[in-house]
Protein backbone atom coordinates (compact mmCIF):
# COMPACT_ATOMS: atom_id res chain seq x y z
CA UNK A 1 11.13 12.95 3.70
CA UNK A 2 13.91 10.39 3.71
CA UNK A 3 15.70 11.12 6.96
CA UNK A 4 18.54 8.72 6.16
CA UNK A 5 19.14 10.52 2.86
CA UNK A 6 19.09 13.87 4.69
CA UNK A 7 21.69 12.74 7.22
CA UNK A 8 23.82 11.27 4.44
CA UNK A 9 23.66 14.67 2.71
CA UNK A 10 24.76 16.24 6.01
CA UNK A 11 27.71 13.83 6.15
CA UNK A 12 28.83 14.46 2.55
CA UNK A 13 28.44 18.24 2.88
CA UNK A 14 30.56 18.10 6.05
CA UNK A 15 33.17 16.09 4.17
CA UNK A 16 33.15 18.77 1.45
CA UNK A 17 33.95 21.32 4.15
CA UNK A 18 36.82 19.12 5.31
CA UNK A 19 38.15 19.01 1.73
CA UNK A 20 37.88 22.81 1.46
CA UNK A 21 39.73 23.17 4.75
CA UNK A 22 42.51 20.87 3.54
CA UNK A 23 41.72 18.16 6.11
CA UNK A 24 40.90 15.78 3.26
CA UNK A 25 42.42 15.68 -0.23
CA UNK A 26 40.38 16.61 -3.28
CA UNK A 27 38.95 14.10 -5.75
CA UNK A 28 37.48 11.66 -3.23
CA UNK A 29 34.49 9.53 -4.27
CA UNK A 30 31.64 9.87 -1.77
CA UNK A 31 29.29 7.41 -3.55
CA UNK A 32 30.10 4.41 -1.26
CA UNK A 33 29.24 6.42 1.86
CA UNK A 34 26.13 5.24 3.68
CA UNK A 35 23.90 6.35 6.52
CA UNK A 36 21.90 3.42 7.82
CA UNK A 37 20.47 1.91 10.99
CA UNK A 38 23.19 0.31 13.14
CA UNK A 39 23.05 -3.45 13.56
CA UNK A 40 22.54 -2.96 17.30
CA UNK A 41 19.98 -0.21 18.08
CA UNK A 42 21.76 0.36 21.40
CA UNK A 43 24.65 1.89 19.47
CA UNK A 44 22.60 4.81 18.20
CA UNK A 45 20.10 5.93 15.58
CA UNK A 46 22.35 5.85 12.51
CA UNK A 47 25.78 4.61 11.53
CA UNK A 48 28.06 5.79 8.76
CA UNK A 49 31.03 4.12 7.11
CA UNK A 50 32.44 7.45 5.79
CA UNK A 51 35.81 7.32 7.56
CA UNK A 52 36.32 3.67 6.66
CA UNK A 53 35.71 4.02 2.91
CA UNK A 54 37.69 7.28 2.59
CA UNK A 55 40.76 6.26 4.59
CA UNK A 56 42.63 4.40 1.86
CA UNK A 57 42.04 6.87 -1.03
CA UNK A 58 42.79 9.76 1.35
CA UNK A 59 45.97 8.11 2.64
CA UNK A 60 44.82 8.58 6.23
CA UNK A 61 43.85 6.47 9.24
CA UNK A 62 40.07 5.94 9.51
CA UNK A 63 40.02 7.11 13.09
CA UNK A 64 41.75 10.40 12.22
CA UNK A 65 39.01 11.15 9.68
CA UNK A 66 36.29 9.98 12.09
CA UNK A 67 37.44 12.28 14.90
CA UNK A 68 37.20 15.42 12.77
CA UNK A 69 33.96 14.31 11.12
CA UNK A 70 32.35 13.46 14.48
CA UNK A 71 33.17 16.86 15.95
CA UNK A 72 31.70 18.69 12.97
CA UNK A 73 28.55 16.54 12.78
CA UNK A 74 27.88 17.15 16.48
CA UNK A 75 27.55 20.85 15.68
CA UNK A 76 24.34 20.17 13.74
CA UNK A 77 21.24 20.64 15.97
CA UNK A 78 19.79 17.36 14.72
CA UNK A 79 22.76 15.38 16.05
CA UNK A 80 23.03 14.95 19.81
CA UNK A 81 26.14 12.76 19.69
CA UNK A 82 28.62 11.24 17.24
CA UNK A 83 30.64 8.38 18.69
CA UNK A 84 33.51 6.51 17.07
CA UNK A 85 33.24 2.73 17.16
CA UNK A 86 35.95 0.21 16.33
CA UNK A 87 38.51 1.34 13.78
CA UNK A 88 36.48 4.27 12.52
CA UNK A 89 32.73 3.71 12.19
CA UNK A 90 30.59 6.58 13.41
CA UNK A 91 27.40 6.05 15.43
CA UNK A 92 25.03 9.01 15.49
CA UNK A 93 22.22 9.81 17.90
CA UNK A 94 19.56 12.24 16.76
CA UNK A 95 17.44 14.64 18.79
CA UNK A 96 13.94 13.41 19.73
CA UNK A 97 12.46 16.33 17.77
CA UNK A 98 13.85 14.81 14.56
CA UNK A 99 11.85 11.63 15.11
CA UNK A 100 8.78 13.47 16.36
CA UNK A 101 8.75 15.40 13.10
CA UNK A 102 8.42 12.08 11.28
CA UNK A 103 4.91 11.57 12.67
CA UNK A 104 3.88 15.05 11.57
CA UNK A 105 5.20 14.42 8.07
CA UNK A 106 3.37 11.07 7.81
CA UNK A 107 0.11 12.66 8.92
CA UNK A 108 0.54 15.51 6.44
CA UNK A 109 1.51 13.36 3.46
CA UNK A 110 -0.68 10.34 4.17
CA UNK A 111 0.08 7.12 2.30
CA UNK A 112 2.25 9.14 -0.12
CA UNK A 113 4.86 9.30 2.66
CA UNK A 114 7.85 7.31 1.49
CA UNK A 115 7.11 7.70 -2.21
CA UNK A 116 10.50 8.04 -3.83
CA UNK A 117 12.18 9.58 -6.83
CA UNK A 118 14.58 6.70 -7.45
CA UNK A 119 12.83 5.84 -10.72
CA UNK A 120 12.73 9.45 -11.94
CA UNK A 121 9.97 8.49 -14.37
CA UNK A 122 12.05 5.83 -16.12
CA UNK A 123 9.96 3.34 -18.08
CA UNK A 124 10.18 -0.19 -16.72
CA UNK A 125 8.42 -3.28 -18.08
CA UNK A 126 7.59 -6.01 -15.56
CA UNK A 127 6.59 -9.25 -17.28
CA UNK A 128 5.12 -11.88 -14.99
CA UNK A 129 2.88 -14.96 -14.89
CA UNK A 130 3.04 -15.53 -18.70
CA UNK A 131 1.64 -19.03 -18.23
CA UNK A 132 0.84 -21.21 -21.21
CA UNK A 133 -2.86 -20.72 -22.05
CA UNK A 134 -3.54 -24.43 -21.70
CA UNK A 135 -5.19 -24.53 -18.29
CA UNK A 136 -5.95 -22.66 -15.08
CA UNK A 137 -3.15 -20.98 -13.15
CA UNK A 138 -1.54 -23.20 -10.52
CA UNK A 139 0.02 -22.37 -7.17
CA UNK A 140 3.44 -21.77 -8.73
CA UNK A 141 1.91 -19.17 -11.03
CA UNK A 142 0.24 -17.67 -7.96
CA UNK A 143 3.56 -16.92 -6.35
CA UNK A 144 4.93 -15.42 -9.56
CA UNK A 145 1.78 -13.35 -10.00
CA UNK A 146 1.92 -11.95 -6.47
CA UNK A 147 5.65 -11.29 -6.63
CA UNK A 148 5.46 -9.58 -10.01
CA UNK A 149 2.44 -7.50 -9.08
CA UNK A 150 3.95 -6.36 -5.77
CA UNK A 151 7.23 -5.55 -7.51
CA UNK A 152 5.40 -3.46 -10.09
CA UNK A 153 3.57 -1.56 -7.33
CA UNK A 154 6.82 -1.08 -5.41
CA UNK A 155 8.56 0.38 -8.47
CA UNK A 156 5.61 2.67 -9.12
CA UNK A 157 5.82 3.84 -5.50
CA UNK A 158 9.53 4.50 -6.03
CA UNK A 159 8.87 6.79 -8.99
CA UNK A 160 9.08 4.50 -12.02
CA UNK A 161 6.66 4.50 -14.95
CA UNK A 162 5.61 0.85 -14.80
CA UNK A 163 3.98 -1.40 -17.40
CA UNK A 164 2.61 -4.74 -16.20
CA UNK A 165 2.76 -7.31 -18.99
CA UNK A 166 1.69 -10.89 -19.65
CA UNK A 167 3.28 -12.79 -22.55
CA UNK A 168 0.76 -15.25 -23.98
CA UNK A 169 2.60 -18.38 -25.13
CA UNK A 170 0.11 -19.14 -27.88
CA UNK A 171 2.52 -19.87 -30.72
CA UNK A 172 3.92 -23.25 -29.76
CA UNK A 173 2.95 -26.90 -30.10
CA UNK A 174 1.26 -26.92 -26.68
CA UNK A 175 -1.63 -24.92 -28.15
CA UNK A 176 -2.20 -27.65 -30.72
CA UNK A 177 -2.39 -30.13 -27.83
CA UNK A 178 -4.94 -27.85 -26.18
CA UNK A 179 -7.02 -27.81 -29.36
CA UNK A 180 -7.00 -31.61 -29.55
CA UNK A 181 -7.98 -31.86 -25.88
CA UNK A 182 -10.87 -29.45 -26.39
CA UNK A 183 -11.98 -31.45 -29.43
CA UNK A 184 -12.25 -34.51 -27.18
CA UNK A 185 -14.44 -32.55 -24.76
CA UNK A 186 -16.45 -31.31 -27.75
CA UNK A 187 -17.05 -34.91 -28.80
CA UNK A 188 -18.00 -35.71 -25.22
CA UNK A 189 -20.50 -32.85 -25.22
CA UNK A 190 -22.16 -34.60 -28.16
CA UNK A 191 -22.53 -37.78 -26.10
CA UNK A 192 -19.53 -39.63 -27.50
CA UNK A 193 -17.23 -41.64 -25.26
CA UNK A 194 -13.64 -40.40 -25.38
CA UNK A 195 -10.26 -41.35 -23.97
CA UNK A 196 -7.47 -38.89 -23.26
CA UNK A 197 -4.16 -40.13 -24.67
CA UNK A 198 -0.92 -39.29 -22.86
CA UNK A 199 0.14 -35.76 -23.57
CA UNK A 200 -3.36 -34.31 -23.70
CA UNK A 201 -5.02 -32.21 -20.98
CA UNK A 202 -7.64 -34.26 -19.09
CA UNK A 203 -8.65 -31.63 -16.53
CA UNK A 204 -12.35 -30.98 -15.91
CA UNK A 205 -11.82 -27.30 -16.71
CA UNK A 206 -12.08 -28.14 -20.45
CA UNK A 207 -15.58 -29.62 -20.11
CA UNK A 208 -17.15 -26.15 -20.26
CA UNK A 209 -14.95 -25.22 -23.21
CA UNK A 210 -16.08 -28.28 -25.14
CA UNK A 211 -19.71 -27.44 -24.40
CA UNK A 212 -19.18 -23.82 -25.44
CA UNK A 213 -17.67 -25.02 -28.71
CA UNK A 214 -20.71 -27.23 -29.28
CA UNK A 215 -22.99 -24.24 -28.67
CA UNK A 216 -21.02 -22.22 -31.21
CA UNK A 217 -20.57 -24.68 -34.11
CA UNK A 218 -23.05 -27.47 -33.40
CA UNK A 219 -21.91 -30.73 -35.02
CA UNK A 220 -19.85 -29.05 -37.76
CA UNK A 221 -16.58 -30.62 -36.58
CA UNK A 222 -17.85 -34.09 -35.67
CA UNK A 223 -16.19 -36.92 -37.54
CA UNK A 224 -13.97 -34.47 -39.40
CA UNK A 225 -10.22 -34.78 -39.79
CA UNK A 226 -7.95 -32.58 -37.72
CA UNK A 227 -7.06 -30.40 -40.67
CA UNK A 228 -10.66 -29.14 -40.81
CA UNK A 229 -10.87 -27.90 -37.24
CA UNK A 230 -7.52 -27.54 -35.48
CA UNK A 231 -6.86 -23.93 -36.49
CA UNK A 232 -10.32 -22.72 -35.45
CA UNK A 233 -10.39 -24.69 -32.20
CA UNK A 234 -6.87 -23.53 -31.32
CA UNK A 235 -8.01 -19.91 -31.51
CA UNK A 236 -11.30 -20.62 -29.74
CA UNK A 237 -9.66 -22.60 -26.92
CA UNK A 238 -6.88 -20.07 -26.39
CA UNK A 239 -9.43 -17.30 -26.07
CA UNK A 240 -11.45 -19.30 -23.52
CA UNK A 241 -8.34 -20.18 -21.52
CA UNK A 242 -7.26 -16.55 -21.43
CA UNK A 243 -10.73 -15.61 -20.16
CA UNK A 244 -10.22 -18.13 -17.36
CA UNK A 245 -6.71 -16.84 -16.62
CA UNK A 246 -7.87 -13.22 -16.55
CA UNK A 247 -10.64 -14.21 -14.17
CA UNK A 248 -8.20 -16.06 -11.91
CA UNK A 249 -5.82 -13.08 -11.87
CA UNK A 250 -8.70 -10.72 -11.06
CA UNK A 251 -9.65 -12.94 -8.10
CA UNK A 252 -6.10 -12.43 -6.85
CA UNK A 253 -6.27 -8.68 -7.46
CA UNK A 254 -3.89 -8.71 -10.43
CA UNK A 255 -4.63 -6.60 -13.50
CA UNK A 256 -2.28 -6.40 -16.46
CA UNK A 257 -1.69 -3.39 -18.66
CA UNK A 258 -0.65 -5.47 -21.68
CA UNK A 259 -1.36 -9.00 -22.88
CA UNK A 260 1.18 -9.71 -25.63
CA UNK A 261 0.57 -12.64 -27.99
CA UNK A 262 3.50 -14.78 -29.08
CA UNK A 263 1.45 -15.71 -32.13
CA UNK A 264 1.57 -12.08 -33.25
CA UNK A 265 5.29 -12.50 -33.89
CA UNK A 266 4.84 -15.24 -36.51
CA UNK A 267 4.27 -14.35 -40.16
CA UNK A 268 4.66 -10.65 -39.44
CA UNK A 269 8.40 -10.29 -40.03
CA UNK A 270 9.08 -9.44 -36.38
CA UNK A 271 11.23 -12.49 -35.69
CA UNK A 272 13.16 -11.90 -38.89
CA UNK A 273 13.68 -8.23 -38.00
CA UNK A 274 15.07 -9.06 -34.55
CA UNK A 275 17.49 -11.62 -35.92
CA UNK A 276 18.50 -9.27 -38.71
CA UNK A 277 19.39 -6.71 -36.06
CA UNK A 278 21.67 -9.28 -34.43
CA UNK A 279 23.05 -10.32 -37.80
CA UNK A 280 23.91 -6.71 -38.63
CA UNK A 281 25.91 -6.66 -35.39
CA UNK A 282 27.82 -9.76 -36.45
CA UNK A 283 26.13 -11.97 -33.87
CA UNK A 284 24.38 -14.53 -36.13
CA UNK A 285 26.44 -17.21 -37.82
CA UNK A 286 26.37 -20.79 -39.09
CA UNK A 287 28.30 -23.13 -36.84
CA UNK A 288 28.50 -26.39 -34.89
CA UNK A 289 28.14 -26.45 -31.11
CA UNK A 290 30.12 -28.57 -28.70
CA UNK A 291 28.31 -31.62 -27.22
CA UNK A 292 26.03 -30.69 -24.30
CA UNK A 293 27.37 -31.43 -20.83
CA UNK A 294 26.88 -35.07 -19.90
CA UNK A 295 26.76 -36.22 -23.53
CA UNK A 296 29.52 -38.33 -25.02
CA UNK A 297 30.62 -37.49 -28.55
CA UNK A 298 29.33 -40.87 -29.78
CA UNK A 299 25.88 -40.07 -28.31
CA UNK A 300 25.71 -36.77 -30.11
CA UNK A 301 25.47 -35.85 -33.75
CA UNK A 302 27.23 -32.61 -34.74
CA UNK A 303 25.31 -30.51 -37.22
CA UNK A 304 25.59 -27.03 -38.57
CA UNK A 305 23.02 -24.62 -37.17
CA UNK A 306 22.13 -20.96 -37.26
CA UNK A 307 23.50 -19.63 -33.97
CA UNK A 308 23.30 -16.46 -31.90
CA UNK A 309 26.74 -15.53 -30.59
CA UNK A 310 25.43 -15.06 -27.05
CA UNK A 311 28.84 -15.75 -25.51
CA UNK A 312 29.81 -12.24 -26.62
CA UNK A 313 27.27 -11.00 -24.07
CA UNK A 314 27.97 -13.20 -21.07
CA UNK A 315 26.33 -16.52 -21.95
CA UNK A 316 28.08 -19.87 -21.43
CA UNK A 317 27.50 -21.17 -24.97
CA UNK A 318 26.10 -19.80 -28.22
CA UNK A 319 22.42 -20.57 -28.81
CA UNK A 320 20.54 -21.98 -31.84
CA UNK A 321 17.84 -19.75 -33.30
CA UNK A 322 16.80 -21.95 -36.23
CA UNK A 323 16.12 -25.68 -36.41
CA UNK A 324 17.64 -27.94 -39.04
CA UNK A 325 14.25 -28.06 -40.81
CA UNK A 326 14.28 -24.27 -41.17
CA UNK A 327 11.78 -23.60 -38.39
CA UNK A 328 12.47 -21.31 -35.47
CA UNK A 329 13.73 -22.61 -32.14
CA UNK A 330 11.69 -21.61 -29.10
CA UNK A 331 14.39 -19.02 -28.34
CA UNK A 332 13.85 -17.08 -31.59
CA UNK A 333 10.38 -15.65 -30.80
CA UNK A 334 11.56 -14.82 -27.27
CA UNK A 335 14.38 -12.78 -28.81
CA UNK A 336 11.85 -11.03 -31.04
CA UNK A 337 9.54 -10.35 -28.09
CA UNK A 338 12.30 -8.70 -26.09
CA UNK A 339 13.42 -6.82 -29.19
CA UNK A 340 9.91 -5.41 -29.30
CA UNK A 341 10.20 -4.36 -25.65
CA UNK A 342 13.45 -2.55 -26.41
CA UNK A 343 11.85 -0.90 -29.44
CA UNK A 344 8.96 0.30 -27.26
CA UNK A 345 11.45 2.45 -25.38
CA UNK A 346 11.64 0.82 -21.96
CA UNK A 347 14.61 1.89 -19.87
CA UNK A 348 14.61 -1.32 -17.85
CA UNK A 349 13.14 -4.81 -18.25
CA UNK A 350 12.21 -7.28 -15.53
CA UNK A 351 11.09 -10.85 -16.21
CA UNK A 352 9.61 -13.02 -13.46
CA UNK A 353 10.16 -16.72 -14.21
CA UNK A 354 9.56 -19.93 -12.31
CA UNK A 355 12.63 -21.61 -10.84
CA UNK A 356 12.54 -24.22 -13.63
CA UNK A 357 13.59 -21.47 -16.05
CA UNK A 358 16.92 -20.89 -14.31
CA UNK A 359 18.85 -22.15 -17.32
CA UNK A 360 17.22 -19.49 -19.45
CA UNK A 361 18.57 -16.50 -17.55
CA UNK A 362 21.98 -16.02 -19.20
CA UNK A 363 20.78 -16.46 -22.77
CA UNK A 364 17.92 -14.00 -22.33
CA UNK A 365 20.16 -11.42 -20.68
CA UNK A 366 22.64 -11.88 -23.52
CA UNK A 367 19.91 -11.29 -26.09
CA UNK A 368 18.68 -8.07 -24.48
CA UNK A 369 22.25 -6.83 -24.03
CA UNK A 370 22.92 -7.44 -27.72
CA UNK A 371 19.62 -6.00 -28.95
CA UNK A 372 19.94 -2.83 -26.87
CA UNK A 373 23.66 -2.36 -27.26
CA UNK A 374 23.98 -2.81 -23.51
CA UNK A 375 21.76 0.19 -22.75
CA UNK A 376 18.69 -1.63 -21.37
CA UNK A 377 19.30 -3.79 -18.28
CA UNK A 378 17.28 -6.98 -17.87
CA UNK A 379 16.75 -8.40 -14.39
CA UNK A 380 15.29 -11.90 -14.24
CA UNK A 381 13.75 -12.88 -10.91
CA UNK A 382 13.14 -16.58 -10.30
CA UNK A 383 10.35 -17.67 -7.97
CA UNK A 384 10.91 -20.92 -6.12
CA UNK A 385 8.36 -23.66 -5.50
CA UNK A 386 5.50 -23.46 -3.01
CA UNK A 387 4.72 -26.44 -0.78
CA UNK A 388 1.11 -26.57 0.33
CA UNK A 389 -0.05 -28.14 3.60
CA UNK A 390 -3.39 -28.63 5.31
CA UNK A 391 -4.11 -30.49 8.52
CA UNK A 392 -0.42 -31.28 8.72
CA UNK A 393 -0.46 -33.10 5.38
CA UNK A 394 0.52 -32.06 1.85
CA UNK A 395 -2.49 -30.48 0.14
CA UNK A 396 -3.87 -32.74 -2.58
CA UNK A 397 -4.16 -31.89 -6.24
CA UNK A 398 -7.25 -30.32 -7.71
CA UNK A 399 -9.53 -32.68 -9.59
CA UNK A 400 -10.65 -29.76 -11.69
CA UNK A 401 -7.11 -29.07 -12.86
CA UNK A 402 -6.23 -32.71 -13.27
CA UNK A 403 -2.64 -32.53 -12.07
CA UNK A 404 -2.09 -29.57 -9.76
CA UNK A 405 -3.49 -27.18 -7.15
CA UNK A 406 -4.95 -24.10 -8.83
CA UNK A 407 -4.73 -20.44 -7.94
CA UNK A 408 -8.49 -20.50 -7.32
CA UNK A 409 -8.08 -23.42 -4.89
CA UNK A 410 -5.77 -21.25 -2.79
CA UNK A 411 -7.78 -18.02 -3.02
CA UNK A 412 -11.05 -19.82 -2.27
CA UNK A 413 -9.49 -21.34 0.86
CA UNK A 414 -7.96 -18.23 2.45
CA UNK A 415 -8.87 -15.17 0.34
CA UNK A 416 -6.70 -12.91 -1.83
CA UNK A 417 -5.25 -10.78 0.99
CA UNK A 418 -3.85 -13.72 2.95
CA UNK A 419 -2.65 -15.39 -0.24
CA UNK A 420 -0.75 -12.31 -1.37
CA UNK A 421 0.87 -11.51 1.97
CA UNK A 422 1.99 -15.06 2.66
CA UNK A 423 3.51 -15.38 -0.82
CA UNK A 424 5.77 -12.45 0.10
CA UNK A 425 6.94 -13.72 3.49
CA UNK A 426 9.98 -15.31 1.88
CA UNK A 427 12.46 -14.00 -0.65
CA UNK A 428 11.40 -14.99 -4.16
CA UNK A 429 14.24 -17.48 -4.68
CA UNK A 430 13.62 -19.32 -1.40
CA UNK A 431 11.22 -22.25 -1.00
CA UNK A 432 7.90 -21.32 0.60
CA UNK A 433 5.72 -23.49 2.84
CA UNK A 434 2.06 -22.45 2.67
CA UNK A 435 0.07 -24.03 5.49
CA UNK A 436 -3.66 -23.35 5.12
CA UNK A 437 -4.22 -23.75 8.87
CA UNK A 438 -1.35 -21.57 10.04
CA UNK A 439 -2.04 -18.68 7.66
CA UNK A 440 -5.47 -18.29 9.25
CA UNK A 441 -4.25 -18.47 12.85
CA UNK A 442 -4.72 -15.37 14.99
CA UNK A 443 -1.28 -15.26 16.52
CA UNK A 444 2.04 -13.48 16.28
CA UNK A 445 3.37 -16.47 14.36
CA UNK A 446 1.04 -15.54 11.50
CA UNK A 447 2.50 -12.39 9.90
CA UNK A 448 -0.70 -11.60 7.98
CA UNK A 449 -2.79 -11.49 11.13
CA UNK A 450 -0.09 -9.69 13.11
CA UNK A 451 0.19 -6.80 10.63
CA UNK A 452 -3.56 -6.56 10.01
CA UNK A 453 -4.21 -6.60 13.76
CA UNK A 454 -1.89 -3.62 14.21
CA UNK A 455 -3.88 -1.61 11.66
CA UNK A 456 -7.18 -2.73 13.18
CA UNK A 457 -6.00 -1.74 16.66
CA UNK A 458 -5.36 1.81 15.48
CA UNK A 459 -8.81 1.89 13.87
CA UNK A 460 -10.27 0.94 17.25
CA UNK A 461 -8.32 3.78 18.90
CA UNK A 462 -9.82 6.26 16.46
CA UNK A 463 -13.31 4.93 17.17
CA UNK A 464 -12.74 5.32 20.92
CA UNK A 465 -11.42 8.85 20.37
CA UNK A 466 -14.61 9.73 18.50
CA UNK A 467 -16.70 8.30 21.36
CA UNK A 468 -14.70 10.40 23.83
CA UNK A 469 -15.19 13.56 21.75
CA UNK A 470 -11.46 13.86 20.92
CA UNK A 471 -10.77 15.33 17.48
CA UNK A 472 -8.55 12.85 15.67
CA UNK A 473 -8.56 13.79 12.01
CA UNK A 474 -5.14 13.77 10.36
CA UNK A 475 -4.86 17.56 10.11
CA UNK A 476 -5.62 18.01 13.81
CA UNK A 477 -3.22 15.24 14.80
CA UNK A 478 -0.46 16.75 12.64
CA UNK A 479 -0.81 19.98 14.62
CA UNK A 480 -0.63 18.22 18.01
CA UNK A 481 2.25 18.81 20.42
CA UNK A 482 4.36 15.85 19.33
CA UNK A 483 7.14 16.74 21.79
CA UNK A 484 4.99 14.77 24.26
CA UNK A 485 6.12 11.61 22.45
CA UNK A 486 9.34 11.34 24.45
CA UNK A 487 9.23 7.86 25.96
CA UNK A 488 11.75 5.33 24.62
CA UNK A 489 8.88 3.13 23.48
CA UNK A 490 7.26 5.96 21.53
CA UNK A 491 10.58 7.03 20.01
CA UNK A 492 11.20 3.42 19.01
CA UNK A 493 8.01 3.38 16.92
CA UNK A 494 8.93 6.77 15.42
CA UNK A 495 12.38 5.50 14.46
CA UNK A 496 10.82 2.56 12.65
CA UNK A 497 8.47 4.92 10.79
CA UNK A 498 11.50 6.95 9.78
CA UNK A 499 13.01 3.89 8.10
CA UNK A 500 10.09 3.53 5.66
CA UNK A 501 11.33 5.83 2.83
CA UNK A 502 14.78 4.22 2.96
CA UNK A 503 13.24 0.76 2.94
CA UNK A 504 11.19 1.61 -0.15
CA UNK A 505 14.28 2.81 -1.99
CA UNK A 506 16.35 -0.23 -0.98
CA UNK A 507 13.60 -2.69 -1.93
CA UNK A 508 13.04 -0.97 -5.28
CA UNK A 509 16.75 -0.80 -6.05
CA UNK A 510 17.11 -4.56 -5.47
CA UNK A 511 13.68 -5.54 -6.93
CA UNK A 512 12.77 -7.27 -3.66
CA UNK A 513 9.18 -6.58 -2.53
CA UNK A 514 9.48 -9.15 0.28
CA UNK A 515 11.42 -6.47 2.17
CA UNK A 516 8.15 -4.54 2.49
CA UNK A 517 6.42 -7.51 4.14
CA UNK A 518 9.34 -7.96 6.54
CA UNK A 519 9.31 -4.25 7.44
CA UNK A 520 5.56 -4.26 8.09
CA UNK A 521 5.94 -7.17 10.48
CA UNK A 522 8.68 -5.31 12.39
CA UNK A 523 6.62 -2.11 12.50
CA UNK A 524 3.59 -4.05 13.74
CA UNK A 525 5.76 -5.66 16.42
CA UNK A 526 6.89 -2.22 17.62
CA UNK A 527 3.31 -0.97 17.79
CA UNK A 528 2.04 -4.08 19.60
CA UNK A 529 4.97 -3.87 22.03
CA UNK A 530 4.20 -0.22 22.74
CA UNK A 531 0.51 -1.03 23.16
CA UNK A 532 1.33 -3.70 25.73
CA UNK A 533 3.54 -1.28 27.68
CA UNK A 534 0.47 0.91 28.00
CA UNK A 535 -1.10 -1.83 30.09
CA UNK A 536 1.66 -1.25 32.66
CA UNK A 537 2.31 2.48 32.16
CA UNK A 538 -0.99 4.41 31.85
CA UNK A 539 0.76 7.51 30.46
CA UNK A 540 1.63 5.53 27.31
CA UNK A 541 -1.99 4.73 26.47
CA UNK A 542 -3.43 6.40 23.41
CA UNK A 543 -6.64 7.60 25.00
CA UNK A 544 -5.90 10.12 27.76
CA UNK A 545 -8.16 12.38 29.82
CA UNK A 546 -6.34 15.45 28.55
CA UNK A 547 -7.31 15.98 24.90
CA UNK A 548 -3.99 17.58 23.87
CA UNK A 549 -2.01 14.68 25.33
CA UNK A 550 -4.37 12.15 23.78
CA UNK A 551 -3.99 13.76 20.36
CA UNK A 552 -0.20 13.47 20.51
CA UNK A 553 -0.46 9.79 21.48
CA UNK A 554 -3.10 9.11 18.83
CA UNK A 555 -0.92 10.87 16.24
CA UNK A 556 1.71 8.17 16.78
CA UNK A 557 -0.86 5.39 16.32
CA UNK A 558 -2.43 6.98 13.26
CA UNK A 559 0.96 7.62 11.60
CA UNK A 560 1.79 3.95 12.12
CA UNK A 561 -1.50 2.88 10.53
CA UNK A 562 -0.84 5.15 7.53
CA UNK A 563 2.54 3.55 6.86
CA UNK A 564 1.08 0.06 7.33
CA UNK A 565 -1.68 0.93 4.85
CA UNK A 566 0.90 2.23 2.35
CA UNK A 567 2.97 -0.94 2.67
CA UNK A 568 -0.05 -3.20 2.38
CA UNK A 569 -1.08 -1.20 -0.69
CA UNK A 570 2.22 -2.08 -2.34
CA UNK A 571 1.63 -5.74 -1.51
CA UNK A 572 -1.92 -5.53 -2.85
CA UNK A 573 -3.49 -6.26 0.54
CA UNK A 574 -6.50 -4.39 1.95
CA UNK A 575 -5.85 -2.99 5.48
CA UNK A 576 -8.22 -4.37 8.13
CA UNK A 577 -10.42 -1.96 10.09
CA UNK A 578 -11.36 -4.66 12.59
CA UNK A 579 -10.52 -8.29 13.20
CA UNK A 580 -13.17 -10.98 13.35
């Protein structure tokens, strides 16, 4: 039940009547028409821009359209008033029964309330984390993991068929560096003294890998040249690192559907097939690029390269796909990987990258546009940096990692629920401050606590109802006399509940799961505000002497908890039954 969609349908059907009556001309486009909450709640329950967007194509004044539209809308029993504001905006007020019905619907549908059909079963691939398998996940990966996972859940809730995917970057030179670093730890496990040259990975996390390698092969690789062991150790180390990464993701509550190996693209003809597809479309050629920005011609050597004509698909410059030595550029396997995604039949692709990959956006979008013939959209979401603080100071690096704070450091400090919620309290492309002290505070300033406390408060109401012998199961509450919820404070909570399906659709359409976290905070604020009014006005309290009245009041609380639970479910956070 998306009330905003229903009222928009009422508006467009009324406009159809106006066209049939000759009040409006035929052929008007109703797509830009909206029904949404007004900026100022004092102006009404909903606002529509219908008269404003139709005025110019209809050759009429907005107010002339608004006057007729307002009169007709007011005839609907759901609409108590339709007032014209400014040059032609319409503010609508709805009957209390419309909002009271929201609570009944929530109680009947449970956490499925708000599930949408926007996706219509379309297949969408969400690729996120995709960290190099050279060490544990760090705090930057944590934000990307939470964002990607919440986005995938949001899209599933909105009706998409979602695949969560991790691209294992195990085909590049960094995996050779990993193998050499593990070999040093392997030597160390045999009692040899080692030094870590610049460019290797000195973190303590490789100690266990070196010991595991010793347990597996004994001294077989000792004092042997690199050519005897690098291939085997590369595979062994990558496997161990992926075990660590999977474990870290599980601690955060993230489970992937697909782990896709970059290495699987090499020597299998997949890269060649992708580039052949582009070549067949006339998009691969031999050419010389202009000097990069900031480079003087004398500092740059022009050379002929194999290029992808990405400028035909919106990129700033064409991109090399083959090195002068005949090897692939790093871009070539990425093209092949996305070609594989297109071949797997996804209707939409989403990549979640760190902010340092911003320069990669246009070329990757160009590649997918070319490979799919423009039929498969690619949205790339960049996650900005996270600044960690504790005791008012920047949080220090992890000795275990060697150079950075790990995902496990964060989860071990505050738990997965707090970690996930806090990572979504800012839009993905905005910097995020993560203060270990503040995220554990029990105050309104801590959004995690504030939302969880709202859910826990409702749980306490249900416990008190049981103690008082008041039936408070969802079916009973759905059948309560909800017309008793007629106070402005109660209607305010109901209005916020009514926004949930629209919020889900908007957040899914824009790929912005942070909107869910923001909404939950606002809903919690409405519930807490209503709860506090009950301290002054006894008739607003949830537990009443009269069972029928109590059930109506409890229905409001329980409906709020259901929507909070649904929203937290999208964020991957477990609702709290009580606060400690």
